[in-house]
Amino acid sequence: MNTKNQRIPKFVSKLIEILDNQSYQEIISFDQKGDGIIIHQQELFENQILLNYFKHNHIDSFTRQMNNYGFKRVKNHQGKYEFKSPFFQKNNKNLIHLVMKKKQEKIQIVSQFLALKSELNSFSKELDQFNFFTSSYQQSQSILTESQNKAKLEMISISQKNLELEQMLNALINEKKIVLN
């Protein structure tokens, strides 16, 4: 099974090795759909496979391990042990890296939650910074608009004074012309 160099727990690796071994197909195999594992011959499984791979021959210990890795025992009409996991499928090998101990799964979920929380905090800080800059920009724009309006009023005032001065100057020039004549 190719799992794209993902870290796979030892128990799961051994399970893959067992299922890939053609000489064990009559003892343990995938079900017809390829989404479950069936133990066809419990006694042979305990005495040959469990002893070789797991250093014990107790089906109950194996069942506990399967449960620890998220496999669920499902009812089999023939009284055989059958296990299923959404991540352990014959024709979907790229999911196998998701099979992990429940404790590891919880740790991974907590780790992902903390990473998302950190990312959210970082985003929140960036948003606060953006809002601060937006507010500062708006204040600066407001101050500039106010300054621009004051400058326009001053220009109007200066223009009016200039006009008045021109009128006074013209009046003085006209008076001098009259006096000189």
C-alpha atoms as a PDB file:
ATOM      1  CA  MET A   1       0.000   0.000   0.000  1.00  0.00           C
ATOM      2  CA  ASN A   2       1.398   3.375  -0.972  1.00  0.00           C
ATOM      3  CA  THR A   3       0.619   5.977   1.671  1.00  0.00           C
ATOM      4  CA  LYS A   4       2.571   8.916   0.276  1.00  0.00           C
ATOM      5  CA  ASN A   5       5.285   8.814   2.997  1.00  0.00           C
ATOM      6  CA  GLN A   6       2.816   9.801   5.715  1.00  0.00           C
ATOM      7  CA  ARG A   7       3.607   8.639   9.242  1.00  0.00           C
ATOM      8  CA  ILE A   8       1.508   5.551   9.945  1.00  0.00           C
ATOM      9  CA  PRO A   9       1.259   4.005  13.431  1.00  0.00           C
ATOM     10  CA  LYS A  10       2.963   0.625  13.892  1.00  0.00           C
ATOM     11  CA  PHE A  11      -0.309  -1.164  14.575  1.00  0.00           C
ATOM     12  CA  VAL A  12      -1.812   0.127  11.338  1.00  0.00           C
ATOM     13  CA  SER A  13       1.364  -0.736   9.388  1.00  0.00           C
ATOM     14  CA  LYS A  14       1.203  -4.294  10.702  1.00  0.00           C
ATOM     15  CA  LEU A  15      -2.473  -4.511   9.780  1.00  0.00           C
ATOM     16  CA  ILE A  16      -1.633  -3.353   6.243  1.00  0.00           C
ATOM     17  CA  GLU A  17       1.168  -5.910   6.033  1.00  0.00           C
ATOM     18  CA  ILE A  18      -1.182  -8.695   7.165  1.00  0.00           C
ATOM     19  CA  LEU A  19      -3.876  -7.727   4.648  1.00  0.00           C
ATOM     20  CA  ASP A  20      -1.323  -7.450   1.829  1.00  0.00           C
ATOM     21  CA  ASN A  21      -0.003 -10.956   2.564  1.00  0.00           C
ATOM     22  CA  GLN A  22      -1.785 -13.236   0.082  1.00  0.00           C
ATOM     23  CA  SER A  23      -1.195 -16.320   2.245  1.00  0.00           C
ATOM     24  CA  TYR A  24      -3.510 -14.831   4.917  1.00  0.00           C
ATOM     25  CA  GLN A  25      -6.467 -14.093   2.603  1.00  0.00           C
ATOM     26  CA  GLU A  26      -8.450 -17.090   3.861  1.00  0.00           C
ATOM     27  CA  ILE A  27      -7.867 -16.029   7.482  1.00  0.00           C
ATOM     28  CA  ILE A  28      -8.314 -12.239   7.249  1.00  0.00           C
ATOM     29  CA  SER A  29      -9.160  -9.964   4.324  1.00  0.00           C
ATOM     30  CA  PHE A  30     -11.031  -6.907   3.209  1.00  0.00           C
ATOM     31  CA  ASP A  31     -14.759  -7.430   2.699  1.00  0.00           C
ATOM     32  CA  GLN A  32     -16.184  -7.449  -0.839  1.00  0.00           C
ATOM     33  CA  LYS A  33     -16.691  -3.670  -0.890  1.00  0.00           C
ATOM     34  CA  GLY A  34     -13.175  -3.057   0.419  1.00  0.00           C
ATOM     35  CA  ASP A  35     -14.356  -0.849   3.279  1.00  0.00           C
ATOM     36  CA  GLY A  36     -14.216  -3.430   6.062  1.00  0.00           C
ATOM     37  CA  ILE A  37     -11.915  -6.128   7.438  1.00  0.00           C
ATOM     38  CA  ILE A  38     -13.248  -9.625   8.086  1.00  0.00           C
ATOM     39  CA  ILE A  39     -11.568 -12.272  10.218  1.00  0.00           C
ATOM     40  CA  HIS A  40     -12.708 -15.465   8.499  1.00  0.00           C
ATOM     41  CA  GLN A  41     -10.987 -17.971  10.789  1.00  0.00           C
ATOM     42  CA  GLN A  42     -10.644 -16.692  14.337  1.00  0.00           C
ATOM     43  CA  GLU A  43      -8.568 -19.593  15.701  1.00  0.00           C
ATOM     44  CA  LEU A  44      -5.984 -19.429  12.904  1.00  0.00           C
ATOM     45  CA  PHE A  45      -5.932 -15.634  13.205  1.00  0.00           C
ATOM     46  CA  GLU A  46      -5.176 -15.852  16.934  1.00  0.00           C
ATOM     47  CA  ASN A  47      -2.567 -18.608  16.704  1.00  0.00           C
ATOM     48  CA  GLN A  48      -0.753 -17.678  13.503  1.00  0.00           C
ATOM     49  CA  ILE A  49      -1.162 -13.985  12.849  1.00  0.00           C
ATOM     50  CA  LEU A  50      -1.600 -12.410  16.281  1.00  0.00           C
ATOM     51  CA  LEU A  51       1.331 -14.345  17.741  1.00  0.00           C
ATOM     52  CA  ASN A  52       3.589 -13.427  14.811  1.00  0.00           C
ATOM     53  CA  TYR A  53       2.688  -9.750  14.596  1.00  0.00           C
ATOM     54  CA  PHE A  54       1.471  -8.660  18.023  1.00  0.00           C
ATOM     55  CA  LYS A  55       3.151 -11.043  20.523  1.00  0.00           C
ATOM     56  CA  HIS A  56      -0.180 -12.226  21.921  1.00  0.00           C
ATOM     57  CA  ASN A  57      -3.008 -14.406  20.704  1.00  0.00           C
ATOM     58  CA  HIS A  58      -6.017 -12.701  22.274  1.00  0.00           C
ATOM     59  CA  ILE A  59      -8.738 -11.573  19.893  1.00  0.00           C
ATOM     60  CA  ASP A  60     -10.123  -9.286  22.620  1.00  0.00           C
ATOM     61  CA  SER A  61      -6.799  -7.414  22.841  1.00  0.00           C
ATOM     62  CA  PHE A  62      -6.785  -7.068  19.067  1.00  0.00           C
ATOM     63  CA  THR A  63     -10.378  -5.787  19.175  1.00  0.00           C
ATOM     64  CA  ARG A  64      -9.403  -3.191  21.821  1.00  0.00           C
ATOM     65  CA  GLN A  65      -6.516  -2.048  19.635  1.00  0.00           C
ATOM     66  CA  MET A  66      -8.835  -1.777  16.647  1.00  0.00           C
ATOM     67  CA  ASN A  67     -11.215   0.328  18.760  1.00  0.00           C
ATOM     68  CA  ASN A  68      -8.293   2.506  19.909  1.00  0.00           C
ATOM     69  CA  TYR A  69      -7.573   3.284  16.261  1.00  0.00           C
ATOM     70  CA  GLY A  70     -11.158   4.203  15.449  1.00  0.00           C
ATOM     71  CA  PHE A  71     -12.288   0.908  13.933  1.00  0.00           C
ATOM     72  CA  LYS A  72     -15.826  -0.114  14.807  1.00  0.00           C
ATOM     73  CA  ARG A  73     -16.844  -3.729  15.124  1.00  0.00           C
ATOM     74  CA  VAL A  74     -19.911  -4.324  12.989  1.00  0.00           C
ATOM     75  CA  LYS A  75     -22.363  -7.202  13.085  1.00  0.00           C
ATOM     76  CA  ASN A  76     -21.540  -9.989  10.708  1.00  0.00           C
ATOM     77  CA  HIS A  77     -24.360 -12.397   9.859  1.00  0.00           C
ATOM     78  CA  GLN A  78     -21.945 -15.319   9.774  1.00  0.00           C
ATOM     79  CA  GLY A  79     -20.667 -14.645  13.309  1.00  0.00           C
ATOM     80  CA  LYS A  80     -17.260 -13.482  12.097  1.00  0.00           C
ATOM     81  CA  TYR A  81     -15.336 -10.504  13.427  1.00  0.00           C
ATOM     82  CA  GLU A  82     -15.723  -7.544  11.092  1.00  0.00           C
ATOM     83  CA  PHE A  83     -14.261  -4.056  11.551  1.00  0.00           C
ATOM     84  CA  LYS A  84     -14.764  -0.823   9.645  1.00  0.00           C
ATOM     85  CA  SER A  85     -13.073   2.551   9.610  1.00  0.00           C
ATOM     86  CA  PRO A  86     -13.899   5.407   7.231  1.00  0.00           C
ATOM     87  CA  PHE A  87     -10.154   5.928   6.742  1.00  0.00           C
ATOM     88  CA  PHE A  88      -9.078   2.320   6.156  1.00  0.00           C
ATOM     89  CA  GLN A  89     -10.295   1.261   2.732  1.00  0.00           C
ATOM     90  CA  LYS A  90      -8.823  -1.123   0.217  1.00  0.00           C
ATOM     91  CA  ASN A  91      -9.286   1.186  -2.766  1.00  0.00           C
ATOM     92  CA  ASN A  92      -8.610   4.508  -1.053  1.00  0.00           C
ATOM     93  CA  LYS A  93      -5.081   4.213   0.326  1.00  0.00           C
ATOM     94  CA  ASN A  94      -4.510   7.958   0.631  1.00  0.00           C
ATOM     95  CA  LEU A  95      -6.782   8.045   3.712  1.00  0.00           C
ATOM     96  CA  ILE A  96      -4.723   5.563   5.744  1.00  0.00           C
ATOM     97  CA  HIS A  97      -2.582   8.291   7.322  1.00  0.00           C
ATOM     98  CA  LEU A  98      -5.783   9.511   9.027  1.00  0.00           C
ATOM     99  CA  VAL A  99      -6.069   6.270  11.032  1.00  0.00           C
ATOM    100  CA  MET A 100      -4.619   7.111  14.439  1.00  0.00           C
ATOM    101  CA  LYS A 101      -5.135   6.401  18.097  1.00  0.00           C
ATOM    102  CA  LYS A 102      -8.099   8.205  19.571  1.00  0.00           C
ATOM    103  CA  LYS A 103      -5.779  10.056  21.978  1.00  0.00           C
ATOM    104  CA  GLN A 104      -3.619  11.167  19.032  1.00  0.00           C
ATOM    105  CA  GLU A 105      -6.764  12.173  17.186  1.00  0.00           C
ATOM    106  CA  LYS A 106      -7.835  14.333  20.132  1.00  0.00           C
ATOM    107  CA  ILE A 107      -4.357  15.846  20.348  1.00  0.00           C
ATOM    108  CA  GLN A 108      -4.446  16.557  16.614  1.00  0.00           C
ATOM    109  CA  ILE A 109      -7.896  18.136  16.892  1.00  0.00           C
ATOM    110  CA  VAL A 110      -6.762  20.282  19.839  1.00  0.00           C
ATOM    111  CA  SER A 111      -3.617  21.199  17.924  1.00  0.00           C
ATOM    112  CA  GLN A 112      -5.656  22.176  14.865  1.00  0.00           C
ATOM    113  CA  PHE A 113      -8.049  24.146  17.085  1.00  0.00           C
ATOM    114  CA  LEU A 114      -5.157  26.018  18.706  1.00  0.00           C
ATOM    115  CA  ALA A 115      -3.621  26.729  15.297  1.00  0.00           C
ATOM    116  CA  LEU A 116      -6.951  28.061  14.020  1.00  0.00           C
ATOM    117  CA  LYS A 117      -7.393  30.104  17.202  1.00  0.00           C
ATOM    118  CA  SER A 118      -3.916  31.572  16.746  1.00  0.00           C
ATOM    119  CA  GLU A 119      -4.683  32.330  13.114  1.00  0.00           C
ATOM    120  CA  LEU A 120      -7.963  33.946  14.154  1.00  0.00           C
ATOM    121  CA  ASN A 121      -6.147  36.056  16.776  1.00  0.00           C
ATOM    122  CA  SER A 122      -3.588  37.097  14.177  1.00  0.00           C
ATOM    123  CA  PHE A 123      -6.362  37.986  11.742  1.00  0.00           C
ATOM    124  CA  SER A 124      -8.167  39.878  14.504  1.00  0.00           C
ATOM    125  CA  LYS A 125      -4.995  41.888  15.250  1.00  0.00           C
ATOM    126  CA  GLU A 126      -4.567  42.651  11.557  1.00  0.00           C
ATOM    127  CA  LEU A 127      -8.206  43.721  11.381  1.00  0.00           C
ATOM    128  CA  ASP A 128      -7.744  45.970  14.432  1.00  0.00           C
ATOM    129  CA  GLN A 129      -4.642  47.455  12.812  1.00  0.00           C
ATOM    130  CA  PHE A 130      -6.550  47.986   9.557  1.00  0.00           C
ATOM    131  CA  ASN A 131      -9.410  49.647  11.451  1.00  0.00           C
ATOM    132  CA  PHE A 132      -6.909  51.863  13.305  1.00  0.00           C
ATOM    133  CA  PHE A 133      -5.248  52.906  10.035  1.00  0.00           C
ATOM    134  CA  THR A 134      -8.645  53.455   8.419  1.00  0.00           C
ATOM    135  CA  SER A 135      -9.730  55.601  11.358  1.00  0.00           C
ATOM    136  CA  SER A 136      -6.439  57.533  11.265  1.00  0.00           C
ATOM    137  CA  TYR A 137      -6.812  58.018   7.526  1.00  0.00           C
ATOM    138  CA  GLN A 138     -10.381  59.250   7.961  1.00  0.00           C
ATOM    139  CA  GLN A 139      -9.281  61.669  10.704  1.00  0.00           C
ATOM    140  CA  SER A 140      -6.428  62.920   8.531  1.00  0.00           C
ATOM    141  CA  GLN A 141      -8.789  63.284   5.604  1.00  0.00           C
ATOM    142  CA  SER A 142     -11.256  65.171   7.799  1.00  0.00           C
ATOM    143  CA  ILE A 143      -8.489  67.484   9.056  1.00  0.00           C
ATOM    144  CA  LEU A 144      -7.263  68.054   5.489  1.00  0.00           C
ATOM    145  CA  THR A 145     -10.806  68.782   4.282  1.00  0.00           C
ATOM    146  CA  GLU A 146     -11.273  71.237   7.151  1.00  0.00           C
ATOM    147  CA  SER A 147      -7.918  72.880   6.375  1.00  0.00           C
ATOM    148  CA  GLN A 148      -8.832  73.035   2.710  1.00  0.00           C
ATOM    149  CA  ASN A 149     -12.172  74.692   3.542  1.00  0.00           C
ATOM    150  CA  LYS A 150     -10.405  77.213   5.816  1.00  0.00           C
ATOM    151  CA  ALA A 151      -7.892  77.916   3.046  1.00  0.00           C
ATOM    152  CA  LYS A 152     -10.750  78.480   0.573  1.00  0.00           C
ATOM    153  CA  LEU A 153     -12.434  80.897   3.015  1.00  0.00           C
ATOM    154  CA  GLU A 154      -9.147  82.730   3.509  1.00  0.00           C
ATOM    155  CA  MET A 155      -8.669  82.901  -0.269  1.00  0.00           C
ATOM    156  CA  ILE A 156     -12.173  84.350  -0.636  1.00  0.00           C
ATOM    157  CA  SER A 157     -11.456  86.830   2.168  1.00  0.00           C
ATOM    158  CA  ILE A 158      -8.113  87.782   0.614  1.00  0.00           C
ATOM    159  CA  SER A 159      -9.759  88.133  -2.806  1.00  0.00           C
ATOM    160  CA  GLN A 160     -12.419  90.418  -1.311  1.00  0.00           C
ATOM    161  CA  LYS A 161      -9.784  92.511   0.474  1.00  0.00           C
ATOM    162  CA  ASN A 162      -7.756  92.640  -2.720  1.00  0.00           C
ATOM    163  CA  LEU A 163     -10.834  93.787  -4.619  1.00  0.00           C
ATOM    164  CA  GLU A 164     -11.526  96.431  -1.965  1.00  0.00           C
ATOM    165  CA  LEU A 165      -7.899  97.603  -2.117  1.00  0.00           C
ATOM    166  CA  GLU A 166      -8.061  97.789  -5.906  1.00  0.00           C
ATOM    167  CA  GLN A 167     -11.272  99.801  -5.656  1.00  0.00           C
ATOM    168  CA  MET A 168      -9.668 102.115  -3.078  1.00  0.00           C
ATOM    169  CA  LEU A 169      -6.560 102.466  -5.221  1.00  0.00           C
ATOM    170  CA  ASN A 170      -8.667 103.228  -8.292  1.00  0.00           C
ATOM    171  CA  ALA A 171     -10.642 105.753  -6.263  1.00  0.00           C
ATOM    172  CA  LEU A 172      -7.401 107.409  -5.091  1.00  0.00           C
ATOM    173  CA  ILE A 173      -6.020 107.466  -8.605  1.00  0.00           C
ATOM    174  CA  ASN A 174      -9.259 109.008  -9.871  1.00  0.00           C
ATOM    175  CA  GLU A 175      -9.131 111.625  -7.088  1.00  0.00           C
ATOM    176  CA  LYS A 176      -5.562 112.540  -7.968  1.00  0.00           C
ATOM    177  CA  LYS A 177      -6.514 112.851 -11.603  1.00  0.00           C
ATOM    178  CA  ILE A 178      -9.329 115.164 -10.667  1.00  0.00           C
ATOM    179  CA  VAL A 179      -7.105 117.235  -8.412  1.00  0.00           C
ATOM    180  CA  LEU A 180      -4.406 117.471 -11.077  1.00  0.00           C
ATOM    181  CA  ASN A 181      -6.756 118.561 -13.732  1.00  0.00           C
END
